[in-house]
């Protein structure tokens, strides 16, 4: 009787252990997906230029680069570029 109880407890603990280890989906995958959806692209020469998709800077024409999530939450004042000389 004692032997069968030990075998049952051992089987339950093994099943629990293997089922806990087989979870292959990372818990932060939803967070990473949301971060990718909210990507912010900026110009390296004009950090006030921000876009939600890659492209070229409207001021200098340089390619926009993807910002880090931590950098994209920084406050940047709006700039209307009325005092900026545009070169074509």
PDB file of N, CA and C in Angstrom:
ATOM      1  N   UNK A   1       0.824  -1.184   0.000  1.00  0.00           N
ATOM      2  CA  UNK A   1       0.000   0.000   0.000  1.00  0.00           C
ATOM      3  C   UNK A   1       0.875   1.258   0.000  1.00  0.00           C
ATOM      4  N   UNK A   2       1.898   1.297   0.880  1.00  0.00           N
ATOM      5  CA  UNK A   2       2.801   2.434   0.909  1.00  0.00           C
ATOM      6  C   UNK A   2       3.548   2.577  -0.405  1.00  0.00           C
ATOM      7  N   UNK A   3       3.921   1.480  -0.971  1.00  0.00           N
ATOM      8  CA  UNK A   3       4.680   1.498  -2.218  1.00  0.00           C
ATOM      9  C   UNK A   3       3.844   2.087  -3.347  1.00  0.00           C
ATOM     10  N   UNK A   4       2.558   1.746  -3.431  1.00  0.00           N
ATOM     11  CA  UNK A   4       1.712   2.272  -4.491  1.00  0.00           C
ATOM     12  C   UNK A   4       1.459   3.775  -4.309  1.00  0.00           C
ATOM     13  N   UNK A   5       1.377   4.238  -3.081  1.00  0.00           N
ATOM     14  CA  UNK A   5       1.204   5.677  -2.828  1.00  0.00           C
ATOM     15  C   UNK A   5       2.446   6.430  -3.276  1.00  0.00           C
ATOM     16  N   UNK A   6       3.628   5.900  -2.985  1.00  0.00           N
ATOM     17  CA  UNK A   6       4.866   6.532  -3.417  1.00  0.00           C
ATOM     18  C   UNK A   6       4.958   6.574  -4.940  1.00  0.00           C
ATOM     19  N   UNK A   7       4.545   5.545  -5.601  1.00  0.00           N
ATOM     20  CA  UNK A   7       4.594   5.495  -7.064  1.00  0.00           C
ATOM     21  C   UNK A   7       3.628   6.515  -7.654  1.00  0.00           C
ATOM     22  N   UNK A   8       2.436   6.632  -7.076  1.00  0.00           N
ATOM     23  CA  UNK A   8       1.453   7.602  -7.567  1.00  0.00           C
ATOM     24  C   UNK A   8       1.962   9.029  -7.352  1.00  0.00           C
ATOM     25  N   UNK A   9       2.519   9.315  -6.188  1.00  0.00           N
ATOM     26  CA  UNK A   9       3.063  10.651  -5.922  1.00  0.00           C
ATOM     27  C   UNK A   9       4.232  10.972  -6.853  1.00  0.00           C
ATOM     28  N   UNK A  10       5.074   9.985  -7.107  1.00  0.00           N
ATOM     29  CA  UNK A  10       6.185  10.182  -8.025  1.00  0.00           C
ATOM     30  C   UNK A  10       5.677  10.459  -9.435  1.00  0.00           C
ATOM     31  N   UNK A  11       4.677   9.723  -9.871  1.00  0.00           N
ATOM     32  CA  UNK A  11       4.111   9.928 -11.209  1.00  0.00           C
ATOM     33  C   UNK A  11       3.492  11.316 -11.331  1.00  0.00           C
ATOM     34  N   UNK A  12       2.768  11.750 -10.302  1.00  0.00           N
ATOM     35  CA  UNK A  12       2.142  13.077 -10.333  1.00  0.00           C
ATOM     36  C   UNK A  12       3.201  14.174 -10.366  1.00  0.00           C
ATOM     37  N   UNK A  13       4.247  14.016  -9.584  1.00  0.00           N
ATOM     38  CA  UNK A  13       5.295  15.039  -9.571  1.00  0.00           C
ATOM     39  C   UNK A  13       6.039  15.090 -10.907  1.00  0.00           C
ATOM     40  N   UNK A  14       6.266  13.944 -11.534  1.00  0.00           N
ATOM     41  CA  UNK A  14       6.927  13.927 -12.843  1.00  0.00           C
ATOM     42  C   UNK A  14       6.045  14.572 -13.907  1.00  0.00           C
ATOM     43  N   UNK A  15       4.780  14.261 -13.893  1.00  0.00           N
ATOM     44  CA  UNK A  15       3.856  14.855 -14.866  1.00  0.00           C
ATOM     45  C   UNK A  15       3.802  16.368 -14.675  1.00  0.00           C
ATOM     46  N   UNK A  16       3.720  16.813 -13.449  1.00  0.00           N
ATOM     47  CA  UNK A  16       3.681  18.251 -13.168  1.00  0.00           C
ATOM     48  C   UNK A  16       4.962  18.938 -13.632  1.00  0.00           C
ATOM     49  N   UNK A  17       6.085  18.313 -13.361  1.00  0.00           N
ATOM     50  CA  UNK A  17       7.366  18.889 -13.759  1.00  0.00           C
ATOM     51  C   UNK A  17       7.485  19.000 -15.270  1.00  0.00           C
ATOM     52  N   UNK A  18       7.173  17.948 -15.989  1.00  0.00           N
ATOM     53  CA  UNK A  18       7.293  17.970 -17.444  1.00  0.00           C
ATOM     54  C   UNK A  18       6.280  18.901 -18.090  1.00  0.00           C
ATOM     55  N   UNK A  19       5.084  19.002 -17.549  1.00  0.00           N
ATOM     56  CA  UNK A  19       4.103  19.906 -18.145  1.00  0.00           C
ATOM     57  C   UNK A  19       4.484  21.358 -17.911  1.00  0.00           C
ATOM     58  N   UNK A  20       5.123  21.668 -16.800  1.00  0.00           N
ATOM     59  CA  UNK A  20       5.564  23.036 -16.534  1.00  0.00           C
ATOM     60  C   UNK A  20       6.740  23.421 -17.420  1.00  0.00           C
ATOM     61  N   UNK A  21       7.600  22.472 -17.732  1.00  0.00           N
ATOM     62  CA  UNK A  21       8.780  22.753 -18.543  1.00  0.00           C
ATOM     63  C   UNK A  21       8.476  22.801 -20.035  1.00  0.00           C
ATOM     64  N   UNK A  22       7.379  22.258 -20.465  1.00  0.00           N
ATOM     65  CA  UNK A  22       7.104  22.183 -21.892  1.00  0.00           C
ATOM     66  C   UNK A  22       6.429  23.419 -22.436  1.00  0.00           C
ATOM     67  N   UNK A  23       6.155  24.412 -21.617  1.00  0.00           N
ATOM     68  CA  UNK A  23       5.533  25.641 -22.077  1.00  0.00           C
ATOM     69  C   UNK A  23       6.566  26.425 -22.866  1.00  0.00           C
ATOM     70  N   UNK A  24       6.444  26.473 -24.196  1.00  0.00           N
ATOM     71  CA  UNK A  24       7.459  27.098 -25.026  1.00  0.00           C
ATOM     72  C   UNK A  24       7.114  28.528 -25.418  1.00  0.00           C
ATOM     73  N   UNK A  25       5.935  29.030 -25.111  1.00  0.00           N
ATOM     74  CA  UNK A  25       5.553  30.383 -25.457  1.00  0.00           C
ATOM     75  C   UNK A  25       6.058  31.343 -24.387  1.00  0.00           C
ATOM     76  N   UNK A  26       6.908  32.291 -24.765  1.00  0.00           N
ATOM     77  CA  UNK A  26       7.388  33.235 -23.770  1.00  0.00           C
ATOM     78  C   UNK A  26       6.266  34.174 -23.334  1.00  0.00           C
ATOM     79  N   UNK A  27       6.296  34.562 -22.072  1.00  0.00           N
ATOM     80  CA  UNK A  27       5.232  35.396 -21.537  1.00  0.00           C
ATOM     81  C   UNK A  27       5.288  36.820 -22.065  1.00  0.00           C
ATOM     82  N   UNK A  28       6.442  37.294 -22.478  1.00  0.00           N
ATOM     83  CA  UNK A  28       6.559  38.671 -22.925  1.00  0.00           C
ATOM     84  C   UNK A  28       6.389  38.831 -24.431  1.00  0.00           C
ATOM     85  N   UNK A  29       5.937  37.809 -25.145  1.00  0.00           N
ATOM     86  CA  UNK A  29       5.794  37.910 -26.594  1.00  0.00           C
ATOM     87  C   UNK A  29       4.736  38.927 -26.976  1.00  0.00           C
ATOM     88  N   UNK A  30       3.673  39.062 -26.184  1.00  0.00           N
ATOM     89  CA  UNK A  30       2.651  40.061 -26.474  1.00  0.00           C
ATOM     90  C   UNK A  30       3.204  41.464 -26.299  1.00  0.00           C
ATOM     91  N   UNK A  31       4.063  41.647 -25.326  1.00  0.00           N
ATOM     92  CA  UNK A  31       4.664  42.963 -25.098  1.00  0.00           C
ATOM     93  C   UNK A  31       5.571  43.329 -26.259  1.00  0.00           C
ATOM     94  N   UNK A  32       6.363  42.388 -26.747  1.00  0.00           N
ATOM     95  CA  UNK A  32       7.247  42.647 -27.871  1.00  0.00           C
ATOM     96  C   UNK A  32       6.454  42.953 -29.128  1.00  0.00           C
ATOM     97  N   UNK A  33       5.346  42.276 -29.334  1.00  0.00           N
ATOM     98  CA  UNK A  33       4.516  42.533 -30.504  1.00  0.00           C
ATOM     99  C   UNK A  33       3.959  43.941 -30.453  1.00  0.00           C
ATOM    100  N   UNK A  34       3.489  44.369 -29.297  1.00  0.00           N
ATOM    101  CA  UNK A  34       2.968  45.721 -29.170  1.00  0.00           C
ATOM    102  C   UNK A  34       4.071  46.747 -29.377  1.00  0.00           C
ATOM    103  N   UNK A  35       5.270  46.448 -28.916  1.00  0.00           N
ATOM    104  CA  UNK A  35       6.385  47.371 -29.113  1.00  0.00           C
ATOM    105  C   UNK A  35       6.715  47.500 -30.594  1.00  0.00           C
ATOM    106  N   UNK A  36       6.654  46.407 -31.345  1.00  0.00           N
ATOM    107  CA  UNK A  36       6.913  46.463 -32.776  1.00  0.00           C
ATOM    108  C   UNK A  36       5.834  47.257 -33.495  1.00  0.00           C
ATOM    109  N   UNK A  37       4.579  47.120 -33.053  1.00  0.00           N
ATOM    110  CA  UNK A  37       3.483  47.841 -33.692  1.00  0.00           C
ATOM    111  C   UNK A  37       3.610  49.344 -33.471  1.00  0.00           C
ATOM    112  N   UNK A  38       4.171  49.753 -32.359  1.00  0.00           N
ATOM    113  CA  UNK A  38       4.291  51.161 -32.024  1.00  0.00           C
ATOM    114  C   UNK A  38       5.698  51.672 -32.284  1.00  0.00           C
ATOM    115  N   UNK A  39       6.357  51.154 -33.286  1.00  0.00           N
ATOM    116  CA  UNK A  39       7.717  51.570 -33.593  1.00  0.00           C
ATOM    117  C   UNK A  39       7.711  53.033 -34.029  1.00  0.00           C
ATOM    118  N   UNK A  40       8.737  53.746 -33.618  1.00  0.00           N
ATOM    119  CA  UNK A  40       8.886  55.151 -33.973  1.00  0.00           C
ATOM    120  C   UNK A  40      10.193  55.301 -34.723  1.00  0.00           C
ATOM    121  N   UNK A  41      10.124  55.980 -35.860  1.00  0.00           N
ATOM    122  CA  UNK A  41      11.305  56.208 -36.684  1.00  0.00           C
ATOM    123  C   UNK A  41      11.636  57.693 -36.645  1.00  0.00           C
ATOM    124  N   UNK A  42      12.930  58.008 -36.567  1.00  0.00           N
ATOM    125  CA  UNK A  42      13.364  59.395 -36.472  1.00  0.00           C
ATOM    126  C   UNK A  42      14.610  59.617 -37.323  1.00  0.00           C
ATOM    127  N   UNK A  43      14.892  60.876 -37.572  1.00  0.00           N
ATOM    128  CA  UNK A  43      16.089  61.251 -38.321  1.00  0.00           C
ATOM    129  C   UNK A  43      17.227  61.442 -37.332  1.00  0.00           C
ATOM    130  N   UNK A  44      18.412  60.984 -37.685  1.00  0.00           N
ATOM    131  CA  UNK A  44      19.552  61.143 -36.789  1.00  0.00           C
ATOM    132  C   UNK A  44      20.009  62.594 -36.718  1.00  0.00           C
ATOM    133  N   UNK A  45      19.755  63.370 -37.741  1.00  0.00           N
ATOM    134  CA  UNK A  45      20.133  64.779 -37.743  1.00  0.00           C
ATOM    135  C   UNK A  45      19.024  65.682 -37.204  1.00  0.00           C
ATOM    136  N   UNK A  46      17.779  65.220 -37.278  1.00  0.00           N
ATOM    137  CA  UNK A  46      16.629  66.016 -36.839  1.00  0.00           C
ATOM    138  C   UNK A  46      15.744  65.152 -35.941  1.00  0.00           C
ATOM    139  N   UNK A  47      16.124  64.998 -34.657  1.00  0.00           N
ATOM    140  CA  UNK A  47      15.389  64.094 -33.767  1.00  0.00           C
ATOM    141  C   UNK A  47      13.949  64.522 -33.503  1.00  0.00           C
ATOM    142  N   UNK A  48      13.600  65.748 -33.847  1.00  0.00           N
ATOM    143  CA  UNK A  48      12.216  66.173 -33.668  1.00  0.00           C
ATOM    144  C   UNK A  48      11.279  65.575 -34.722  1.00  0.00           C
ATOM    145  N   UNK A  49      11.860  65.041 -35.802  1.00  0.00           N
ATOM    146  CA  UNK A  49      11.062  64.376 -36.844  1.00  0.00           C
ATOM    147  C   UNK A  49      10.785  62.958 -36.386  1.00  0.00           C
ATOM    148  N   UNK A  50       9.522  62.625 -36.270  1.00  0.00           N
ATOM    149  CA  UNK A  50       9.120  61.283 -35.838  1.00  0.00           C
ATOM    150  C   UNK A  50       8.011  60.773 -36.741  1.00  0.00           C
ATOM    151  N   UNK A  51       8.145  59.535 -37.156  1.00  0.00           N
ATOM    152  CA  UNK A  51       7.143  58.898 -38.015  1.00  0.00           C
ATOM    153  C   UNK A  51       6.849  57.508 -37.479  1.00  0.00           C
ATOM    154  N   UNK A  52       5.698  56.970 -37.841  1.00  0.00           N
ATOM    155  CA  UNK A  52       5.328  55.631 -37.378  1.00  0.00           C
ATOM    156  C   UNK A  52       5.747  54.542 -38.353  1.00  0.00           C
ATOM    157  N   UNK A  53       6.372  54.935 -39.468  1.00  0.00           N
ATOM    158  CA  UNK A  53       6.870  53.951 -40.432  1.00  0.00           C
ATOM    159  C   UNK A  53       8.169  54.462 -41.032  1.00  0.00           C
ATOM    160  N   UNK A  54       8.985  53.577 -41.573  1.00  0.00           N
ATOM    161  CA  UNK A  54      10.257  54.024 -42.153  1.00  0.00           C
ATOM    162  C   UNK A  54      10.027  54.892 -43.385  1.00  0.00           C
ATOM    163  N   UNK A  55      11.006  55.697 -43.665  1.00  0.00           N
ATOM    164  CA  UNK A  55      10.938  56.584 -44.827  1.00  0.00           C
ATOM    165  C   UNK A  55      12.136  57.512 -44.804  1.00  0.00           C
ATOM    166  N   UNK A  56      11.976  58.686 -45.421  1.00  0.00           N
ATOM    167  CA  UNK A  56      13.049  59.673 -45.456  1.00  0.00           C
ATOM    168  C   UNK A  56      12.647  60.900 -44.658  1.00  0.00           C
ATOM    169  N   UNK A  57      13.638  61.583 -44.112  1.00  0.00           N
ATOM    170  CA  UNK A  57      13.416  62.805 -43.349  1.00  0.00           C
ATOM    171  C   UNK A  57      12.889  63.884 -44.289  1.00  0.00           C
ATOM    172  N   UNK A  58      11.809  64.572 -43.928  1.00  0.00           N
ATOM    173  CA  UNK A  58      11.284  65.622 -44.802  1.00  0.00           C
ATOM    174  C   UNK A  58      12.188  66.850 -44.863  1.00  0.00           C
ATOM    175  N   UNK A  59      13.147  66.967 -43.942  1.00  0.00           N
ATOM    176  CA  UNK A  59      14.032  68.131 -43.918  1.00  0.00           C
ATOM    177  C   UNK A  59      15.283  67.890 -44.750  1.00  0.00           C
ATOM    178  N   UNK A  60      15.971  66.768 -44.478  1.00  0.00           N
ATOM    179  CA  UNK A  60      17.260  66.537 -45.133  1.00  0.00           C
ATOM    180  C   UNK A  60      17.261  65.357 -46.101  1.00  0.00           C
ATOM    181  N   UNK A  61      16.239  64.527 -46.056  1.00  0.00           N
ATOM    182  CA  UNK A  61      16.154  63.402 -46.981  1.00  0.00           C
ATOM    183  C   UNK A  61      16.887  62.159 -46.524  1.00  0.00           C
ATOM    184  N   UNK A  62      17.507  62.199 -45.341  1.00  0.00           N
ATOM    185  CA  UNK A  62      18.193  61.016 -44.832  1.00  0.00           C
ATOM    186  C   UNK A  62      17.176  59.958 -44.432  1.00  0.00           C
ATOM    187  N   UNK A  63      17.550  58.665 -44.497  1.00  0.00           N
ATOM    188  CA  UNK A  63      16.624  57.609 -44.070  1.00  0.00           C
ATOM    189  C   UNK A  63      16.336  57.703 -42.578  1.00  0.00           C
ATOM    190  N   UNK A  64      15.088  57.483 -42.203  1.00  0.00           N
ATOM    191  CA  UNK A  64      14.713  57.469 -40.797  1.00  0.00           C
ATOM    192  C   UNK A  64      15.140  56.153 -40.183  1.00  0.00           C
ATOM    193  N   UNK A  65      15.576  56.194 -38.931  1.00  0.00           N
ATOM    194  CA  UNK A  65      16.018  54.998 -38.227  1.00  0.00           C
ATOM    195  C   UNK A  65      15.048  54.694 -37.093  1.00  0.00           C
ATOM    196  N   UNK A  66      14.938  53.422 -36.768  1.00  0.00           N
ATOM    197  CA  UNK A  66      14.023  52.995 -35.717  1.00  0.00           C
ATOM    198  C   UNK A  66      14.601  53.365 -34.357  1.00  0.00           C
ATOM    199  N   UNK A  67      13.747  53.963 -33.523  1.00  0.00           N
ATOM    200  CA  UNK A  67      14.168  54.338 -32.174  1.00  0.00           C
ATOM    201  C   UNK A  67      13.937  53.182 -31.232  1.00  0.00           C
ATOM    202  N   UNK A  68      14.717  53.150 -30.152  1.00  0.00           N
ATOM    203  CA  UNK A  68      14.460  52.192 -29.085  1.00  0.00           C
ATOM    204  C   UNK A  68      13.173  52.580 -28.392  1.00  0.00           C
ATOM    205  N   UNK A  69      12.505  51.605 -27.761  1.00  0.00           N
ATOM    206  CA  UNK A  69      11.253  51.870 -27.062  1.00  0.00           C
ATOM    207  C   UNK A  69      11.471  52.899 -25.961  1.00  0.00           C
ATOM    208  N   UNK A  70      12.572  52.796 -25.222  1.00  0.00           N
ATOM    209  CA  UNK A  70      12.851  53.742 -24.139  1.00  0.00           C
ATOM    210  C   UNK A  70      13.075  55.143 -24.689  1.00  0.00           C
ATOM    211  N   UNK A  71      13.730  55.259 -25.850  1.00  0.00           N
ATOM    212  CA  UNK A  71      13.984  56.570 -26.442  1.00  0.00           C
ATOM    213  C   UNK A  71      12.714  57.200 -26.985  1.00  0.00           C
ATOM    214  N   UNK A  72      11.799  56.393 -27.497  1.00  0.00           N
ATOM    215  CA  UNK A  72      10.610  56.934 -28.136  1.00  0.00           C
ATOM    216  C   UNK A  72       9.624  57.518 -27.144  1.00  0.00           C
ATOM    217  N   UNK A  73       9.782  57.230 -25.848  1.00  0.00           N
ATOM    218  CA  UNK A  73       8.875  57.775 -24.856  1.00  0.00           C
ATOM    219  C   UNK A  73       9.371  59.102 -24.300  1.00  0.00           C
ATOM    220  N   UNK A  74      10.572  59.523 -24.707  1.00  0.00           N
ATOM    221  CA  UNK A  74      11.095  60.802 -24.248  1.00  0.00           C
ATOM    222  C   UNK A  74      10.257  61.938 -24.826  1.00  0.00           C
ATOM    223  N   UNK A  75      10.134  63.007 -24.077  1.00  0.00           N
ATOM    224  CA  UNK A  75       9.379  64.164 -24.545  1.00  0.00           C
ATOM    225  C   UNK A  75      10.221  64.954 -25.525  1.00  0.00           C
ATOM    226  N   UNK A  76       9.652  65.214 -26.662  1.00  0.00           N
ATOM    227  CA  UNK A  76      10.299  66.072 -27.639  1.00  0.00           C
ATOM    228  C   UNK A  76       9.299  67.156 -28.005  1.00  0.00           C
ATOM    229  N   UNK A  77       9.672  68.422 -27.885  1.00  0.00           N
ATOM    230  CA  UNK A  77       8.736  69.495 -28.206  1.00  0.00           C
ATOM    231  C   UNK A  77       8.409  69.504 -29.696  1.00  0.00           C
ATOM    232  N   UNK A  78       7.198  69.937 -30.002  1.00  0.00           N
ATOM    233  CA  UNK A  78       6.804  70.069 -31.407  1.00  0.00           C
ATOM    234  C   UNK A  78       7.602  71.205 -32.033  1.00  0.00           C
ATOM    235  N   UNK A  79       7.946  71.038 -33.271  1.00  0.00           N
ATOM    236  CA  UNK A  79       8.750  72.023 -33.975  1.00  0.00           C
ATOM    237  C   UNK A  79       8.114  72.210 -35.338  1.00  0.00           C
ATOM    238  N   UNK A  80       7.757  73.432 -35.684  1.00  0.00           N
ATOM    239  CA  UNK A  80       7.054  73.652 -36.949  1.00  0.00           C
ATOM    240  C   UNK A  80       7.991  73.922 -38.114  1.00  0.00           C
ATOM    241  N   UNK A  81       9.274  73.996 -37.881  1.00  0.00           N
ATOM    242  CA  UNK A  81      10.307  74.151 -38.916  1.00  0.00           C
ATOM    243  C   UNK A  81      10.206  75.472 -39.676  1.00  0.00           C
ATOM    244  N   UNK A  82       9.470  76.451 -39.149  1.00  0.00           N
ATOM    245  CA  UNK A  82       9.364  77.720 -39.846  1.00  0.00           C
ATOM    246  C   UNK A  82      10.687  78.489 -39.812  1.00  0.00           C
ATOM    247  N   UNK A  83      11.533  78.195 -38.824  1.00  0.00           N
ATOM    248  CA  UNK A  83      12.822  78.866 -38.724  1.00  0.00           C
ATOM    249  C   UNK A  83      13.972  78.015 -39.278  1.00  0.00           C
ATOM    250  N   UNK A  84      13.648  76.939 -39.959  1.00  0.00           N
ATOM    251  CA  UNK A  84      14.662  76.045 -40.489  1.00  0.00           C
ATOM    252  C   UNK A  84      14.844  76.260 -41.969  1.00  0.00           C
ATOM    253  N   UNK A  85      16.095  76.392 -42.393  1.00  0.00           N
ATOM    254  CA  UNK A  85      16.367  76.559 -43.814  1.00  0.00           C
ATOM    255  C   UNK A  85      16.318  75.192 -44.496  1.00  0.00           C
ATOM    256  N   UNK A  86      15.525  75.095 -45.546  1.00  0.00           N
ATOM    257  CA  UNK A  86      15.407  73.831 -46.268  1.00  0.00           C
ATOM    258  C   UNK A  86      16.312  73.849 -47.489  1.00  0.00           C
ATOM    259  N   UNK A  87      17.053  72.758 -47.649  1.00  0.00           N
ATOM    260  CA  UNK A  87      17.918  72.645 -48.812  1.00  0.00           C
ATOM    261  C   UNK A  87      17.347  71.583 -49.743  1.00  0.00           C
ATOM    262  N   UNK A  88      17.160  71.933 -50.975  1.00  0.00           N
ATOM    263  CA  UNK A  88      16.615  70.986 -51.962  1.00  0.00           C
ATOM    264  C   UNK A  88      17.649  70.581 -52.943  1.00  0.00           C
TER     265      UNK A  88
END
